Amino acid sequence: MEVNILEQHDTVVVYTSNNCQTSRELLQWLDENKVDYQEKNTTEYPDYLIELQDAGHFGTPTTFVGHHAILGFQPAHLKQELNLF
């Protein structure tokens, strides 16, 4: 089943990879802030890497909040996008 991440609304999708400290920090931050998200590990599931690249992004972590992509771990930007104040 093909999933178009750009058509998902009000969802948080996080593309991660193994051995990526920044990915682990991001997931921990999301958990601490009680944010529901779907993790897509590009190391364990190479199709997720293709999906990410098809969306025009090539690094992990990349977080999609609806249509908006946030590259890396940017807590202030995430708080704004997720309305966490």
PDB file of N, CA and C in Angstrom:
ATOM      1  N   MET A   1       0.841  -1.178   0.000  1.00  0.00           N
ATOM      2  CA  MET A   1       0.000   0.000   0.000  1.00  0.00           C
ATOM      3  C   MET A   1       0.887   1.242   0.000  1.00  0.00           C
ATOM      4  N   GLU A   2       0.681   2.103  -0.950  1.00  0.00           N
ATOM      5  CA  GLU A   2       1.479   3.317  -1.049  1.00  0.00           C
ATOM      6  C   GLU A   2       0.841   4.420  -0.212  1.00  0.00           C
ATOM      7  N   VAL A   3       1.661   5.089   0.566  1.00  0.00           N
ATOM      8  CA  VAL A   3       1.187   6.179   1.415  1.00  0.00           C
ATOM      9  C   VAL A   3       1.856   7.456   0.948  1.00  0.00           C
ATOM     10  N   ASN A   4       1.063   8.458   0.649  1.00  0.00           N
ATOM     11  CA  ASN A   4       1.617   9.746   0.261  1.00  0.00           C
ATOM     12  C   ASN A   4       1.669  10.633   1.488  1.00  0.00           C
ATOM     13  N   ILE A   5       2.867  10.847   2.020  1.00  0.00           N
ATOM     14  CA  ILE A   5       2.989  11.614   3.255  1.00  0.00           C
ATOM     15  C   ILE A   5       2.526  13.044   3.072  1.00  0.00           C
ATOM     16  N   LEU A   6       2.547  13.542   1.846  1.00  0.00           N
ATOM     17  CA  LEU A   6       2.150  14.923   1.625  1.00  0.00           C
ATOM     18  C   LEU A   6       0.640  15.101   1.674  1.00  0.00           C
ATOM     19  N   GLU A   7      -0.118  14.016   1.658  1.00  0.00           N
ATOM     20  CA  GLU A   7      -1.571  14.116   1.732  1.00  0.00           C
ATOM     21  C   GLU A   7      -2.092  13.880   3.139  1.00  0.00           C
ATOM     22  N   GLN A   8      -1.233  13.552   4.064  1.00  0.00           N
ATOM     23  CA  GLN A   8      -1.671  13.304   5.432  1.00  0.00           C
ATOM     24  C   GLN A   8      -1.804  14.631   6.158  1.00  0.00           C
ATOM     25  N   HIS A   9      -2.930  14.831   6.827  1.00  0.00           N
ATOM     26  CA  HIS A   9      -3.189  16.078   7.534  1.00  0.00           C
ATOM     27  C   HIS A   9      -3.193  15.817   9.032  1.00  0.00           C
ATOM     28  N   ASP A  10      -2.655  16.779   9.782  1.00  0.00           N
ATOM     29  CA  ASP A  10      -2.676  16.717  11.242  1.00  0.00           C
ATOM     30  C   ASP A  10      -2.024  15.456  11.790  1.00  0.00           C
ATOM     31  N   THR A  11      -1.078  14.906  11.070  1.00  0.00           N
ATOM     32  CA  THR A  11      -0.351  13.746  11.558  1.00  0.00           C
ATOM     33  C   THR A  11       1.120  14.124  11.701  1.00  0.00           C
ATOM     34  N   VAL A  12       1.800  13.393  12.568  1.00  0.00           N
ATOM     35  CA  VAL A  12       3.230  13.593  12.750  1.00  0.00           C
ATOM     36  C   VAL A  12       3.918  12.305  12.313  1.00  0.00           C
ATOM     37  N   VAL A  13       4.748  12.417  11.306  1.00  0.00           N
ATOM     38  CA  VAL A  13       5.500  11.279  10.785  1.00  0.00           C
ATOM     39  C   VAL A  13       6.977  11.622  10.908  1.00  0.00           C
ATOM     40  N   VAL A  14       7.738  10.733  11.549  1.00  0.00           N
ATOM     41  CA  VAL A  14       9.156  10.980  11.790  1.00  0.00           C
ATOM     42  C   VAL A  14       9.976   9.916  11.067  1.00  0.00           C
ATOM     43  N   TYR A  15      10.823  10.363  10.152  1.00  0.00           N
ATOM     44  CA  TYR A  15      11.746   9.467   9.462  1.00  0.00           C
ATOM     45  C   TYR A  15      13.048   9.448  10.246  1.00  0.00           C
ATOM     46  N   THR A  16      13.459   8.257  10.657  1.00  0.00           N
ATOM     47  CA  THR A  16      14.660   8.083  11.464  1.00  0.00           C
ATOM     48  C   THR A  16      15.586   7.077  10.798  1.00  0.00           C
ATOM     49  N   SER A  17      16.772   6.931  11.367  1.00  0.00           N
ATOM     50  CA  SER A  17      17.689   5.884  10.923  1.00  0.00           C
ATOM     51  C   SER A  17      18.444   5.357  12.135  1.00  0.00           C
ATOM     52  N   ASN A  18      18.909   4.128  12.012  1.00  0.00           N
ATOM     53  CA  ASN A  18      19.693   3.521  13.088  1.00  0.00           C
ATOM     54  C   ASN A  18      21.007   4.283  13.259  1.00  0.00           C
ATOM     55  N   ASN A  19      21.561   4.212  14.440  1.00  0.00           N
ATOM     56  CA  ASN A  19      22.849   4.842  14.754  1.00  0.00           C
ATOM     57  C   ASN A  19      22.840   6.351  14.549  1.00  0.00           C
ATOM     58  N   CYS A  20      21.671   6.963  14.688  1.00  0.00           N
ATOM     59  CA  CYS A  20      21.547   8.411  14.547  1.00  0.00           C
ATOM     60  C   CYS A  20      21.143   8.990  15.898  1.00  0.00           C
ATOM     61  N   GLN A  21      22.095   9.614  16.572  1.00  0.00           N
ATOM     62  CA  GLN A  21      21.840  10.188  17.891  1.00  0.00           C
ATOM     63  C   GLN A  21      20.745  11.249  17.830  1.00  0.00           C
ATOM     64  N   THR A  22      20.745  12.045  16.779  1.00  0.00           N
ATOM     65  CA  THR A  22      19.744  13.101  16.651  1.00  0.00           C
ATOM     66  C   THR A  22      18.343  12.512  16.528  1.00  0.00           C
ATOM     67  N   SER A  23      18.209  11.406  15.817  1.00  0.00           N
ATOM     68  CA  SER A  23      16.909  10.734  15.717  1.00  0.00           C
ATOM     69  C   SER A  23      16.441  10.282  17.091  1.00  0.00           C
ATOM     70  N   ARG A  24      17.346   9.703  17.877  1.00  0.00           N
ATOM     71  CA  ARG A  24      16.980   9.246  19.227  1.00  0.00           C
ATOM     72  C   ARG A  24      16.563  10.416  20.111  1.00  0.00           C
ATOM     73  N   GLU A  25      17.285  11.528  20.015  1.00  0.00           N
ATOM     74  CA  GLU A  25      16.944  12.709  20.813  1.00  0.00           C
ATOM     75  C   GLU A  25      15.568  13.248  20.432  1.00  0.00           C
ATOM     76  N   LEU A  26      15.280  13.274  19.146  1.00  0.00           N
ATOM     77  CA  LEU A  26      13.984  13.755  18.671  1.00  0.00           C
ATOM     78  C   LEU A  26      12.854  12.876  19.189  1.00  0.00           C
ATOM     79  N   LEU A  27      13.000  11.561  19.069  1.00  0.00           N
ATOM     80  CA  LEU A  27      11.956  10.649  19.541  1.00  0.00           C
ATOM     81  C   LEU A  27      11.750  10.784  21.044  1.00  0.00           C
ATOM     82  N   GLN A  28      12.832  10.943  21.788  1.00  0.00           N
ATOM     83  CA  GLN A  28      12.722  11.128  23.236  1.00  0.00           C
ATOM     84  C   GLN A  28      11.962  12.417  23.543  1.00  0.00           C
ATOM     85  N   TRP A  29      12.261  13.486  22.828  1.00  0.00           N
ATOM     86  CA  TRP A  29      11.586  14.764  23.031  1.00  0.00           C
ATOM     87  C   TRP A  29      10.090  14.638  22.725  1.00  0.00           C
ATOM     88  N   LEU A  30       9.766  13.963  21.623  1.00  0.00           N
ATOM     89  CA  LEU A  30       8.350  13.768  21.278  1.00  0.00           C
ATOM     90  C   LEU A  30       7.634  12.976  22.368  1.00  0.00           C
ATOM     91  N   ASP A  31       8.287  11.928  22.872  1.00  0.00           N
ATOM     92  CA  ASP A  31       7.693  11.128  23.953  1.00  0.00           C
ATOM     93  C   ASP A  31       7.497  11.969  25.214  1.00  0.00           C
ATOM     94  N   GLU A  32       8.503  12.738  25.579  1.00  0.00           N
ATOM     95  CA  GLU A  32       8.416  13.574  26.782  1.00  0.00           C
ATOM     96  C   GLU A  32       7.303  14.613  26.678  1.00  0.00           C
ATOM     97  N   ASN A  33       7.029  15.060  25.452  1.00  0.00           N
ATOM     98  CA  ASN A  33       5.988  16.059  25.229  1.00  0.00           C
ATOM     99  C   ASN A  33       4.653  15.428  24.838  1.00  0.00           C
ATOM    100  N   LYS A  34       4.583  14.100  24.975  1.00  0.00           N
ATOM    101  CA  LYS A  34       3.351  13.344  24.742  1.00  0.00           C
ATOM    102  C   LYS A  34       2.746  13.610  23.359  1.00  0.00           C
ATOM    103  N   VAL A  35       3.617  13.628  22.352  1.00  0.00           N
ATOM    104  CA  VAL A  35       3.194  13.827  20.973  1.00  0.00           C
ATOM    105  C   VAL A  35       3.011  12.456  20.328  1.00  0.00           C
ATOM    106  N   ASP A  36       1.844  12.225  19.758  1.00  0.00           N
ATOM    107  CA  ASP A  36       1.612  10.992  19.008  1.00  0.00           C
ATOM    108  C   ASP A  36       2.303  11.126  17.651  1.00  0.00           C
ATOM    109  N   TYR A  37       3.021  10.100  17.264  1.00  0.00           N
ATOM    110  CA  TYR A  37       3.732  10.144  15.994  1.00  0.00           C
ATOM    111  C   TYR A  37       3.872   8.736  15.437  1.00  0.00           C
ATOM    112  N   GLN A  38       4.147   8.692  14.142  1.00  0.00           N
ATOM    113  CA  GLN A  38       4.471   7.432  13.487  1.00  0.00           C
ATOM    114  C   GLN A  38       5.945   7.499  13.115  1.00  0.00           C
ATOM    115  N   GLU A  39       6.716   6.530  13.577  1.00  0.00           N
ATOM    116  CA  GLU A  39       8.135   6.471  13.226  1.00  0.00           C
ATOM    117  C   GLU A  39       8.309   5.602  11.996  1.00  0.00           C
ATOM    118  N   LYS A  40       9.115   6.088  11.056  1.00  0.00           N
ATOM    119  CA  LYS A  40       9.457   5.319   9.862  1.00  0.00           C
ATOM    120  C   LYS A  40      10.979   5.218   9.809  1.00  0.00           C
ATOM    121  N   ASN A  41      11.498   4.048  10.163  1.00  0.00           N
ATOM    122  CA  ASN A  41      12.936   3.828  10.226  1.00  0.00           C
ATOM    123  C   ASN A  41      13.444   3.457   8.834  1.00  0.00           C
ATOM    124  N   THR A  42      14.267   4.330   8.271  1.00  0.00           N
ATOM    125  CA  THR A  42      14.741   4.142   6.905  1.00  0.00           C
ATOM    126  C   THR A  42      15.841   3.094   6.793  1.00  0.00           C
ATOM    127  N   THR A  43      16.475   2.748   7.905  1.00  0.00           N
ATOM    128  CA  THR A  43      17.497   1.706   7.893  1.00  0.00           C
ATOM    129  C   THR A  43      16.838   0.337   7.843  1.00  0.00           C
ATOM    130  N   GLU A  44      15.841   0.147   8.678  1.00  0.00           N
ATOM    131  CA  GLU A  44      15.169  -1.147   8.761  1.00  0.00           C
ATOM    132  C   GLU A  44      14.208  -1.380   7.596  1.00  0.00           C
ATOM    133  N   TYR A  45      13.666  -0.303   7.044  1.00  0.00           N
ATOM    134  CA  TYR A  45      12.700  -0.411   5.945  1.00  0.00           C
ATOM    135  C   TYR A  45      13.114   0.550   4.829  1.00  0.00           C
ATOM    136  N   PRO A  46      13.946   0.081   3.891  1.00  0.00           N
ATOM    137  CA  PRO A  46      14.459   0.949   2.826  1.00  0.00           C
ATOM    138  C   PRO A  46      13.369   1.627   1.991  1.00  0.00           C
ATOM    139  N   ASP A  47      12.174   1.055   1.933  1.00  0.00           N
ATOM    140  CA  ASP A  47      11.088   1.710   1.201  1.00  0.00           C
ATOM    141  C   ASP A  47      10.751   3.065   1.812  1.00  0.00           C
ATOM    142  N   TYR A  48      10.948   3.203   3.126  1.00  0.00           N
ATOM    143  CA  TYR A  48      10.707   4.493   3.774  1.00  0.00           C
ATOM    144  C   TYR A  48      11.721   5.535   3.308  1.00  0.00           C
ATOM    145  N   LEU A  49      12.942   5.100   3.036  1.00  0.00           N
ATOM    146  CA  LEU A  49      13.953   6.021   2.526  1.00  0.00           C
ATOM    147  C   LEU A  49      13.540   6.534   1.151  1.00  0.00           C
ATOM    148  N   ILE A  50      13.044   5.646   0.320  1.00  0.00           N
ATOM    149  CA  ILE A  50      12.569   6.046  -1.009  1.00  0.00           C
ATOM    150  C   ILE A  50      11.404   7.020  -0.876  1.00  0.00           C
ATOM    151  N   GLU A  51      10.498   6.726   0.041  1.00  0.00           N
ATOM    152  CA  GLU A  51       9.350   7.601   0.299  1.00  0.00           C
ATOM    153  C   GLU A  51       9.823   8.998   0.708  1.00  0.00           C
ATOM    154  N   LEU A  52      10.804   9.051   1.602  1.00  0.00           N
ATOM    155  CA  LEU A  52      11.353  10.323   2.067  1.00  0.00           C
ATOM    156  C   LEU A  52      12.016  11.075   0.914  1.00  0.00           C
ATOM    157  N   GLN A  53      12.803  10.365   0.125  1.00  0.00           N
ATOM    158  CA  GLN A  53      13.488  10.990  -1.007  1.00  0.00           C
ATOM    159  C   GLN A  53      12.496  11.485  -2.052  1.00  0.00           C
ATOM    160  N   ASP A  54      11.424  10.741  -2.272  1.00  0.00           N
ATOM    161  CA  ASP A  54      10.388  11.171  -3.213  1.00  0.00           C
ATOM    162  C   ASP A  54       9.731  12.475  -2.768  1.00  0.00           C
ATOM    163  N   ALA A  55       9.752  12.727  -1.459  1.00  0.00           N
ATOM    164  CA  ALA A  55       9.203  13.976  -0.922  1.00  0.00           C
ATOM    165  C   ALA A  55      10.233  15.108  -0.984  1.00  0.00           C
ATOM    166  N   GLY A  56      11.443  14.797  -1.488  1.00  0.00           N
ATOM    167  CA  GLY A  56      12.463  15.821  -1.666  1.00  0.00           C
ATOM    168  C   GLY A  56      13.396  16.016  -0.487  1.00  0.00           C
ATOM    169  N   HIS A  57      13.435  15.030   0.420  1.00  0.00           N
ATOM    170  CA  HIS A  57      14.296  15.137   1.605  1.00  0.00           C
ATOM    171  C   HIS A  57      15.213  13.923   1.667  1.00  0.00           C
ATOM    172  N   PHE A  58      16.428  14.138   2.159  1.00  0.00           N
ATOM    173  CA  PHE A  58      17.440  13.092   2.054  1.00  0.00           C
ATOM    174  C   PHE A  58      18.156  12.775   3.351  1.00  0.00           C
ATOM    175  N   GLY A  59      17.763  13.393   4.451  1.00  0.00           N
ATOM    176  CA  GLY A  59      18.443  13.142   5.715  1.00  0.00           C
ATOM    177  C   GLY A  59      17.473  12.837   6.831  1.00  0.00           C
ATOM    178  N   THR A  60      18.006  12.195   7.858  1.00  0.00           N
ATOM    179  CA  THR A  60      17.208  11.908   9.044  1.00  0.00           C
ATOM    180  C   THR A  60      17.854  12.586  10.237  1.00  0.00           C
ATOM    181  N   PRO A  61      17.052  12.953  11.201  1.00  0.00           N
ATOM    182  CA  PRO A  61      15.607  12.808  11.201  1.00  0.00           C
ATOM    183  C   PRO A  61      14.930  13.915  10.383  1.00  0.00           C
ATOM    184  N   THR A  62      13.822  13.556   9.786  1.00  0.00           N
ATOM    185  CA  THR A  62      12.930  14.515   9.145  1.00  0.00           C
ATOM    186  C   THR A  62      11.550  14.262   9.710  1.00  0.00           C
ATOM    187  N   THR A  63      10.911  15.314  10.185  1.00  0.00           N
ATOM    188  CA  THR A  63       9.586  15.210  10.781  1.00  0.00           C
ATOM    189  C   THR A  63       8.591  15.956   9.912  1.00  0.00           C
ATOM    190  N   PHE A  64       7.506  15.279   9.567  1.00  0.00           N
ATOM    191  CA  PHE A  64       6.416  15.926   8.855  1.00  0.00           C
ATOM    192  C   PHE A  64       5.283  16.164   9.830  1.00  0.00           C
ATOM    193  N   VAL A  65       4.858  17.420   9.920  1.00  0.00           N
ATOM    194  CA  VAL A  65       3.660  17.780  10.677  1.00  0.00           C
ATOM    195  C   VAL A  65       2.672  18.228   9.613  1.00  0.00           C
ATOM    196  N   GLY A  66       1.734  17.327   9.279  1.00  0.00           N
ATOM    197  CA  GLY A  66       0.879  17.598   8.129  1.00  0.00           C
ATOM    198  C   GLY A  66       1.750  17.685   6.890  1.00  0.00           C
ATOM    199  N   HIS A  67       1.672  18.811   6.188  1.00  0.00           N
ATOM    200  CA  HIS A  67       2.454  19.013   4.966  1.00  0.00           C
ATOM    201  C   HIS A  67       3.846  19.572   5.234  1.00  0.00           C
ATOM    202  N   HIS A  68       4.085  20.049   6.438  1.00  0.00           N
ATOM    203  CA  HIS A  68       5.305  20.796   6.735  1.00  0.00           C
ATOM    204  C   HIS A  68       6.434  19.870   7.193  1.00  0.00           C
ATOM    205  N   ALA A  69       7.589  19.983   6.547  1.00  0.00           N
ATOM    206  CA  ALA A  69       8.762  19.181   6.913  1.00  0.00           C
ATOM    207  C   ALA A  69       9.691  19.984   7.809  1.00  0.00           C
ATOM    208  N   ILE A  70      10.181  19.328   8.859  1.00  0.00           N
ATOM    209  CA  ILE A  70      11.154  19.930   9.767  1.00  0.00           C
ATOM    210  C   ILE A  70      12.386  19.033   9.752  1.00  0.00           C
ATOM    211  N   LEU A  71      13.503  19.588   9.329  1.00  0.00           N
ATOM    212  CA  LEU A  71      14.729  18.809   9.202  1.00  0.00           C
ATOM    213  C   LEU A  71      15.516  18.844  10.499  1.00  0.00           C
ATOM    214  N   GLY A  72      16.072  17.702  10.874  1.00  0.00           N
ATOM    215  CA  GLY A  72      16.871  17.627  12.092  1.00  0.00           C
ATOM    216  C   GLY A  72      15.998  17.693  13.331  1.00  0.00           C
ATOM    217  N   PHE A  73      16.610  18.091  14.427  1.00  0.00           N
ATOM    218  CA  PHE A  73      15.904  18.211  15.705  1.00  0.00           C
ATOM    219  C   PHE A  73      15.882  19.680  16.084  1.00  0.00           C
ATOM    220  N   GLN A  74      14.729  20.315  15.895  1.00  0.00           N
ATOM    221  CA  GLN A  74      14.552  21.736  16.157  1.00  0.00           C
ATOM    222  C   GLN A  74      13.398  21.917  17.145  1.00  0.00           C
ATOM    223  N   PRO A  75      13.666  21.810  18.446  1.00  0.00           N
ATOM    224  CA  PRO A  75      12.592  21.864  19.439  1.00  0.00           C
ATOM    225  C   PRO A  75      11.703  23.103  19.344  1.00  0.00           C
ATOM    226  N   ALA A  76      12.278  24.271  19.140  1.00  0.00           N
ATOM    227  CA  ALA A  76      11.466  25.493  19.074  1.00  0.00           C
ATOM    228  C   ALA A  76      10.513  25.450  17.881  1.00  0.00           C
ATOM    229  N   HIS A  77      11.011  24.992  16.752  1.00  0.00           N
ATOM    230  CA  HIS A  77      10.190  24.884  15.546  1.00  0.00           C
ATOM    231  C   HIS A  77       9.095  23.831  15.746  1.00  0.00           C
ATOM    232  N   LEU A  78       9.446  22.723  16.354  1.00  0.00           N
ATOM    233  CA  LEU A  78       8.458  21.679  16.630  1.00  0.00           C
ATOM    234  C   LEU A  78       7.368  22.182  17.567  1.00  0.00           C
ATOM    235  N   LYS A  79       7.757  22.899  18.611  1.00  0.00           N
ATOM    236  CA  LYS A  79       6.763  23.449  19.543  1.00  0.00           C
ATOM    237  C   LYS A  79       5.771  24.342  18.812  1.00  0.00           C
ATOM    238  N   GLN A  80       6.282  25.152  17.909  1.00  0.00           N
ATOM    239  CA  GLN A  80       5.419  26.053  17.148  1.00  0.00           C
ATOM    240  C   GLN A  80       4.475  25.259  16.248  1.00  0.00           C
ATOM    241  N   GLU A  81       4.999  24.310  15.501  1.00  0.00           N
ATOM    242  CA  GLU A  81       4.175  23.525  14.578  1.00  0.00           C
ATOM    243  C   GLU A  81       3.142  22.675  15.306  1.00  0.00           C
ATOM    244  N   LEU A  82       3.501  22.205  16.498  1.00  0.00           N
ATOM    245  CA  LEU A  82       2.613  21.317  17.260  1.00  0.00           C
ATOM    246  C   LEU A  82       1.760  22.072  18.276  1.00  0.00           C
ATOM    247  N   ASN A  83       1.886  23.400  18.290  1.00  0.00           N
ATOM    248  CA  ASN A  83       1.138  24.234  19.244  1.00  0.00           C
ATOM    249  C   ASN A  83       1.389  23.821  20.688  1.00  0.00           C
ATOM    250  N   LEU A  84       2.644  23.581  21.021  1.00  0.00           N
ATOM    251  CA  LEU A  84       3.034  23.225  22.388  1.00  0.00           C
ATOM    252  C   LEU A  84       3.622  24.456  23.057  1.00  0.00           C
ATOM    253  N   PHE A  85       2.853  25.072  23.918  1.00  0.00           N
ATOM    254  CA  PHE A  85       3.345  26.283  24.594  1.00  0.00           C
ATOM    255  C   PHE A  85       3.177  26.152  26.070  1.00  0.00           C
TER     256      PHE A  85
END
